[in-house]
Amino acid sequence: MQQVFTIIQVISAVLLIAAILMQQRGTGLGSAFGGGSEIYRTKRGVEKILFISTIVLSVLFLASVFASVVWR
């Protein structure tokens, strides 16, 4: 059973890294120091799907970590 959790953790970690890296760049600390006059907009289409999938993958990863600790 431990091997199943390890496989789930590795796959979800790789997919989570890919989902984070594919998100839109340029939304960092630049606006905190006066460097960006960006307009607030809602997420649509692929951007919204990518955002939701990042949340789902992080929850899946955390759940598999907790489950592997409990069923050790």
N, C-alpha and C. Protein backbone atom coordinates (compact mmCIF):
# COMPACT_ATOMS: atom_id res chain seq x y z
N MET A 1 0.82 -1.20 0.00
CA MET A 1 0.00 0.00 0.00
C MET A 1 0.87 1.26 0.00
N GLN A 2 2.02 1.16 0.64
CA GLN A 2 2.92 2.30 0.71
C GLN A 2 3.43 2.68 -0.69
N GLN A 3 3.64 1.67 -1.54
CA GLN A 3 4.12 1.95 -2.89
C GLN A 3 3.08 2.70 -3.72
N VAL A 4 1.81 2.42 -3.49
CA VAL A 4 0.75 3.12 -4.21
C VAL A 4 0.76 4.60 -3.84
N PHE A 5 0.90 4.89 -2.56
CA PHE A 5 0.95 6.29 -2.13
C PHE A 5 2.18 7.00 -2.67
N THR A 6 3.29 6.30 -2.74
CA THR A 6 4.51 6.90 -3.29
C THR A 6 4.34 7.23 -4.76
N ILE A 7 3.73 6.33 -5.52
CA ILE A 7 3.49 6.57 -6.94
C ILE A 7 2.54 7.75 -7.13
N ILE A 8 1.48 7.81 -6.34
CA ILE A 8 0.53 8.91 -6.42
C ILE A 8 1.22 10.23 -6.09
N GLN A 9 2.09 10.22 -5.08
CA GLN A 9 2.80 11.44 -4.68
C GLN A 9 3.74 11.93 -5.78
N VAL A 10 4.45 11.01 -6.41
CA VAL A 10 5.40 11.41 -7.45
C VAL A 10 4.65 11.97 -8.67
N ILE A 11 3.60 11.28 -9.08
CA ILE A 11 2.84 11.75 -10.25
C ILE A 11 2.17 13.09 -9.97
N SER A 12 1.54 13.22 -8.81
CA SER A 12 0.88 14.49 -8.50
C SER A 12 1.88 15.62 -8.30
N ALA A 13 3.07 15.32 -7.79
CA ALA A 13 4.09 16.35 -7.62
C ALA A 13 4.59 16.86 -8.96
N VAL A 14 4.83 15.95 -9.89
CA VAL A 14 5.30 16.35 -11.23
C VAL A 14 4.22 17.17 -11.95
N LEU A 15 2.97 16.72 -11.88
CA LEU A 15 1.89 17.46 -12.52
C LEU A 15 1.66 18.82 -11.85
N LEU A 16 1.84 18.89 -10.54
CA LEU A 16 1.68 20.15 -9.82
C LEU A 16 2.77 21.14 -10.22
N ILE A 17 3.99 20.67 -10.35
CA ILE A 17 5.09 21.53 -10.79
C ILE A 17 4.81 22.06 -12.20
N ALA A 18 4.35 21.17 -13.07
CA ALA A 18 4.05 21.59 -14.45
C ALA A 18 2.91 22.61 -14.48
N ALA A 19 1.89 22.40 -13.67
CA ALA A 19 0.75 23.33 -13.64
C ALA A 19 1.17 24.69 -13.10
N ILE A 20 2.03 24.71 -12.12
CA ILE A 20 2.50 25.99 -11.57
C ILE A 20 3.37 26.73 -12.58
N LEU A 21 4.23 26.01 -13.27
CA LEU A 21 5.12 26.65 -14.23
C LEU A 21 4.38 27.16 -15.47
N MET A 22 3.25 26.56 -15.81
CA MET A 22 2.50 27.00 -16.98
C MET A 22 1.61 28.21 -16.71
N GLN A 23 1.45 28.60 -15.46
CA GLN A 23 0.59 29.73 -15.17
C GLN A 23 1.25 31.02 -15.64
N GLN A 24 0.44 32.04 -15.79
CA GLN A 24 0.88 33.30 -16.37
C GLN A 24 1.97 33.95 -15.53
N ARG A 25 2.99 34.43 -16.21
CA ARG A 25 4.08 35.11 -15.54
C ARG A 25 3.77 36.60 -15.41
N GLY A 26 4.57 37.30 -14.60
CA GLY A 26 4.41 38.74 -14.48
C GLY A 26 3.42 39.15 -13.41
N THR A 27 3.02 38.25 -12.56
CA THR A 27 2.08 38.61 -11.50
C THR A 27 2.77 38.55 -10.15
N GLY A 28 4.06 38.84 -10.13
CA GLY A 28 4.85 38.74 -8.91
C GLY A 28 4.80 40.00 -8.07
N LEU A 29 5.94 40.33 -7.48
CA LEU A 29 6.01 41.46 -6.57
C LEU A 29 6.21 42.79 -7.27
N GLY A 30 6.21 42.81 -8.58
CA GLY A 30 6.42 44.06 -9.31
C GLY A 30 5.37 45.11 -9.00
N SER A 31 4.15 44.68 -8.85
CA SER A 31 3.09 45.65 -8.56
C SER A 31 3.15 46.14 -7.12
N ALA A 32 3.79 45.41 -6.25
CA ALA A 32 3.91 45.83 -4.85
C ALA A 32 4.83 47.04 -4.72
N PHE A 33 5.76 47.19 -5.65
CA PHE A 33 6.70 48.30 -5.59
C PHE A 33 6.40 49.36 -6.63
N GLY A 34 5.18 49.41 -7.10
CA GLY A 34 4.76 50.44 -8.03
C GLY A 34 5.11 50.16 -9.47
N GLY A 35 5.44 48.94 -9.79
CA GLY A 35 5.89 48.65 -11.14
C GLY A 35 4.83 48.05 -12.02
N GLY A 36 3.66 48.29 -11.89
CA GLY A 36 2.72 47.69 -12.83
C GLY A 36 1.34 48.28 -12.65
N SER A 37 0.77 48.70 -13.72
CA SER A 37 -0.59 49.23 -13.64
C SER A 37 -1.52 48.22 -14.27
N GLU A 38 -1.59 47.06 -13.65
CA GLU A 38 -2.42 46.00 -14.19
C GLU A 38 -3.87 46.20 -13.78
N ILE A 39 -4.74 45.79 -14.63
CA ILE A 39 -6.17 45.89 -14.38
C ILE A 39 -6.65 44.55 -13.86
N TYR A 40 -7.53 44.58 -12.85
CA TYR A 40 -8.09 43.34 -12.33
C TYR A 40 -8.99 42.72 -13.37
N ARG A 41 -8.81 41.44 -13.60
CA ARG A 41 -9.66 40.73 -14.55
C ARG A 41 -9.91 39.33 -14.01
N THR A 42 -10.96 38.73 -14.49
CA THR A 42 -11.28 37.38 -14.04
C THR A 42 -10.56 36.36 -14.91
N LYS A 43 -10.38 35.19 -14.34
CA LYS A 43 -9.75 34.10 -15.08
C LYS A 43 -10.79 33.47 -16.00
N ARG A 44 -10.39 33.20 -17.25
CA ARG A 44 -11.30 32.60 -18.21
C ARG A 44 -10.59 31.52 -18.99
N GLY A 45 -11.33 30.57 -19.45
CA GLY A 45 -10.83 29.55 -20.35
C GLY A 45 -9.75 28.67 -19.75
N VAL A 46 -8.64 28.56 -20.48
CA VAL A 46 -7.54 27.68 -20.08
C VAL A 46 -6.92 28.15 -18.78
N GLU A 47 -6.85 29.46 -18.58
CA GLU A 47 -6.27 30.00 -17.36
C GLU A 47 -7.06 29.56 -16.13
N LYS A 48 -8.37 29.54 -16.23
CA LYS A 48 -9.21 29.11 -15.12
C LYS A 48 -9.07 27.61 -14.87
N ILE A 49 -9.03 26.83 -15.94
CA ILE A 49 -8.86 25.38 -15.81
C ILE A 49 -7.52 25.06 -15.17
N LEU A 50 -6.47 25.77 -15.58
CA LEU A 50 -5.15 25.57 -15.01
C LEU A 50 -5.11 25.95 -13.53
N PHE A 51 -5.79 27.03 -13.16
CA PHE A 51 -5.85 27.47 -11.77
C PHE A 51 -6.56 26.43 -10.90
N ILE A 52 -7.69 25.93 -11.37
CA ILE A 52 -8.45 24.95 -10.60
C ILE A 52 -7.70 23.62 -10.53
N SER A 53 -7.06 23.23 -11.63
CA SER A 53 -6.29 21.98 -11.60
C SER A 53 -5.11 22.07 -10.66
N THR A 54 -4.51 23.25 -10.50
CA THR A 54 -3.43 23.43 -9.53
C THR A 54 -3.93 23.20 -8.11
N ILE A 55 -5.10 23.71 -7.81
CA ILE A 55 -5.69 23.51 -6.48
C ILE A 55 -6.01 22.03 -6.26
N VAL A 56 -6.60 21.39 -7.25
CA VAL A 56 -6.97 19.98 -7.12
C VAL A 56 -5.72 19.11 -6.95
N LEU A 57 -4.68 19.39 -7.72
CA LEU A 57 -3.45 18.61 -7.60
C LEU A 57 -2.77 18.81 -6.26
N SER A 58 -2.82 20.02 -5.73
CA SER A 58 -2.20 20.24 -4.42
C SER A 58 -2.98 19.53 -3.31
N VAL A 59 -4.30 19.51 -3.42
CA VAL A 59 -5.11 18.79 -2.43
C VAL A 59 -4.86 17.28 -2.55
N LEU A 60 -4.76 16.77 -3.77
CA LEU A 60 -4.47 15.36 -3.98
C LEU A 60 -3.10 14.99 -3.40
N PHE A 61 -2.11 15.84 -3.62
CA PHE A 61 -0.78 15.59 -3.10
C PHE A 61 -0.78 15.57 -1.57
N LEU A 62 -1.40 16.57 -0.96
CA LEU A 62 -1.45 16.62 0.51
C LEU A 62 -2.24 15.45 1.09
N ALA A 63 -3.33 15.06 0.44
CA ALA A 63 -4.12 13.93 0.93
C ALA A 63 -3.32 12.63 0.85
N SER A 64 -2.55 12.46 -0.22
CA SER A 64 -1.74 11.25 -0.33
C SER A 64 -0.61 11.23 0.69
N VAL A 65 -0.06 12.38 1.01
CA VAL A 65 0.97 12.45 2.04
C VAL A 65 0.39 12.09 3.41
N PHE A 66 -0.75 12.67 3.74
CA PHE A 66 -1.38 12.36 5.03
C PHE A 66 -1.79 10.89 5.10
N ALA A 67 -2.31 10.37 4.01
CA ALA A 67 -2.73 8.97 3.99
C ALA A 67 -1.54 8.03 4.15
N SER A 68 -0.41 8.38 3.54
CA SER A 68 0.76 7.51 3.68
C SER A 68 1.32 7.54 5.08
N VAL A 69 1.16 8.66 5.77
CA VAL A 69 1.60 8.75 7.16
C VAL A 69 0.68 7.96 8.08
N VAL A 70 -0.61 8.01 7.83
CA VAL A 70 -1.57 7.33 8.68
C VAL A 70 -1.48 5.81 8.51
N TRP A 71 -1.37 5.34 7.26
CA TRP A 71 -1.33 3.90 7.00
C TRP A 71 0.08 3.32 6.96
N ARG A 72 0.96 3.88 7.70
CA ARG A 72 2.34 3.39 7.74
C ARG A 72 2.46 2.23 8.65
